[in-house]
C-alpha cells in the first residue's frame, strides 16, 4: 500500500491505498461536489478521518457498480444486436426458401383433385 495525499475542502489528508492517485482524487472531488450541492460549504471543512475514509469507500463502491453496469449494458446491447441479426437473417432465408418452394410445387386445390378424379 502506498500513502497518498488528497485535498478535500482545502485540507490535505494522507491515506493508505492501492488505488491510483488520480482515481482517489476523482472520488474525493465527486464527494466534495455532492456536499456542495446540498449545502453552502465554501470554506475549509474539517472532516473526521473515519468519515472521509467511509465516504471514499462508499463512493469507490458506487463507481465500481456504475462501471460494471455500463459494461453489462454494453454486452447486453451487443448480444441483442447479434440476436436480431440472426433472426433477421433466418427470416430472410425462410422467406426466400418458401417463395422458391411455392413456385416450384403448386399443390392442386380440392376442387381440381375432385374434377380430375371424376374424369376417370
Protein backbone atom coordinates (compact mmCIF):
# COMPACT_ATOMS: atom_id res chain seq x y z
CA UNK A 1 0.00 0.00 0.00
CA UNK A 2 1.13 3.49 -0.71
CA UNK A 3 0.43 6.72 1.05
CA UNK A 4 -1.39 9.38 -0.92
CA UNK A 5 -2.11 12.96 -0.08
CA UNK A 6 -5.56 14.09 -1.17
CA UNK A 7 -7.10 17.51 -0.88
CA UNK A 8 -10.63 17.64 0.49
CA UNK A 9 -12.28 21.01 1.21
CA UNK A 10 -8.88 22.74 1.14
CA UNK A 11 -7.40 20.40 3.74
CA UNK A 12 -4.78 17.78 2.94
CA UNK A 13 -5.35 14.23 4.15
CA UNK A 14 -2.91 11.34 3.90
CA UNK A 15 -4.44 7.94 3.25
CA UNK A 16 -3.11 4.47 2.52
CA UNK A 17 -4.40 2.83 -0.64
CA UNK A 18 -3.55 0.60 -3.58
CA UNK A 19 -5.56 2.80 -5.95
CA UNK A 20 -4.08 5.32 -8.33
CA UNK A 21 -3.79 8.88 -7.08
CA UNK A 22 -5.88 10.32 -9.93
CA UNK A 23 -8.70 7.88 -9.18
CA UNK A 24 -8.69 8.68 -5.44
CA UNK A 25 -8.70 12.40 -6.17
CA UNK A 26 -11.59 11.89 -8.60
CA UNK A 27 -13.56 10.20 -5.80
CA UNK A 28 -12.72 12.97 -3.33
CA UNK A 29 -13.77 15.63 -5.86
CA UNK A 30 -17.03 13.82 -6.52
CA UNK A 31 -17.82 13.74 -2.79
CA UNK A 32 -16.85 17.38 -2.39
CA UNK A 33 -19.13 18.35 -5.29
CA UNK A 34 -22.05 16.43 -3.78
CA UNK A 35 -21.55 18.07 -0.38
CA UNK A 36 -21.50 21.48 -2.06
CA UNK A 37 -24.71 20.65 -3.93
CA UNK A 38 -26.64 20.14 -0.71
CA UNK A 39 -25.04 22.80 1.47
CA UNK A 40 -23.43 26.20 1.26
CA UNK A 41 -19.98 24.97 2.27
CA UNK A 42 -17.36 27.10 0.56
CA UNK A 43 -14.56 27.24 3.11
CA UNK A 44 -12.31 24.63 4.56
CA UNK A 45 -14.19 21.97 6.44
CA UNK A 46 -12.58 19.54 8.84
CA UNK A 47 -13.94 16.06 8.31
CA UNK A 48 -13.09 13.28 10.76
CA UNK A 49 -10.72 10.83 9.11
CA UNK A 50 -13.08 7.86 9.64
CA UNK A 51 -15.92 9.71 7.88
CA UNK A 52 -13.68 10.67 4.99
CA UNK A 53 -12.45 7.09 4.61
CA UNK A 54 -16.04 5.79 4.73
CA UNK A 55 -17.17 8.32 2.12
CA UNK A 56 -14.23 7.39 -0.12
CA UNK A 57 -15.03 3.68 0.22
CA UNK A 58 -18.75 4.14 -0.43
CA UNK A 59 -18.06 6.30 -3.48
CA UNK A 60 -15.48 3.81 -4.77
CA UNK A 61 -18.12 1.06 -4.45
CA UNK A 62 -20.59 3.26 -6.32
CA UNK A 63 -18.11 3.95 -9.14
CA UNK A 64 -17.35 0.22 -9.46
CA UNK A 65 -21.04 -0.69 -9.64
CA UNK A 66 -21.63 2.07 -12.17
CA UNK A 67 -18.74 0.78 -14.30
CA UNK A 68 -19.96 -2.83 -14.02
CA UNK A 69 -23.47 -1.75 -15.02
CA UNK A 70 -22.19 0.12 -18.08
CA UNK A 71 -20.16 -2.92 -19.15
CA UNK A 72 -23.17 -5.20 -18.60
CA UNK A 73 -25.41 -2.83 -20.57
CA UNK A 74 -22.89 -2.72 -23.45
CA UNK A 75 -22.61 -6.53 -23.52
CA UNK A 76 -26.40 -6.93 -23.40
CA UNK A 77 -26.85 -4.45 -26.24
CA UNK A 78 -24.19 -6.21 -28.30
CA UNK A 79 -25.83 -9.60 -27.72
CA UNK A 80 -29.26 -8.21 -28.54
CA UNK A 81 -27.94 -6.79 -31.81
CA UNK A 82 -26.34 -10.13 -32.70
CA UNK A 83 -29.59 -11.99 -31.94
CA UNK A 84 -31.55 -9.51 -34.02
CA UNK A 85 -29.17 -10.05 -36.94
CA UNK A 86 -29.51 -13.83 -36.60
CA UNK A 87 -33.31 -13.59 -36.50
CA UNK A 88 -33.46 -11.24 -39.48
CA UNK A 89 -31.10 -13.48 -41.44
CA UNK A 90 -33.16 -16.54 -40.56
CA UNK A 91 -36.39 -14.84 -41.58
CA UNK A 92 -34.89 -13.79 -44.91
CA UNK A 93 -33.71 -17.36 -45.56
CA UNK A 94 -37.15 -18.76 -44.69
CA UNK A 95 -38.88 -16.20 -46.91
CA UNK A 96 -36.65 -16.97 -49.87
CA UNK A 97 -36.96 -20.73 -49.26
CA UNK A 98 -40.75 -20.66 -49.02
CA UNK A 99 -41.11 -18.46 -52.08
CA UNK A 100 -38.79 -20.79 -54.03
CA UNK A 101 -40.71 -23.85 -52.87
CA UNK A 102 -44.03 -22.17 -53.64
CA UNK A 103 -43.10 -21.53 -57.26
CA UNK A 104 -41.76 -25.00 -57.89
CA UNK A 105 -44.52 -27.11 -56.43
CA UNK A 106 -48.05 -25.94 -56.65
CA UNK A 107 -50.49 -28.23 -54.98
CA UNK A 108 -53.82 -28.57 -56.71
CA UNK A 109 -56.85 -27.32 -54.86
CA UNK A 110 -59.51 -29.72 -53.58
CA UNK A 111 -61.86 -28.97 -56.48
CA UNK A 112 -59.15 -29.71 -59.04
CA UNK A 113 -58.42 -33.06 -57.41
CA UNK A 114 -62.13 -33.96 -57.35
CA UNK A 115 -62.57 -32.88 -61.01
CA UNK A 116 -59.62 -34.96 -62.17
CA UNK A 117 -60.92 -37.96 -60.24
CA UNK A 118 -64.39 -37.63 -61.77
CA UNK A 119 -63.00 -37.59 -65.28
CA UNK A 120 -61.56 -41.08 -64.89
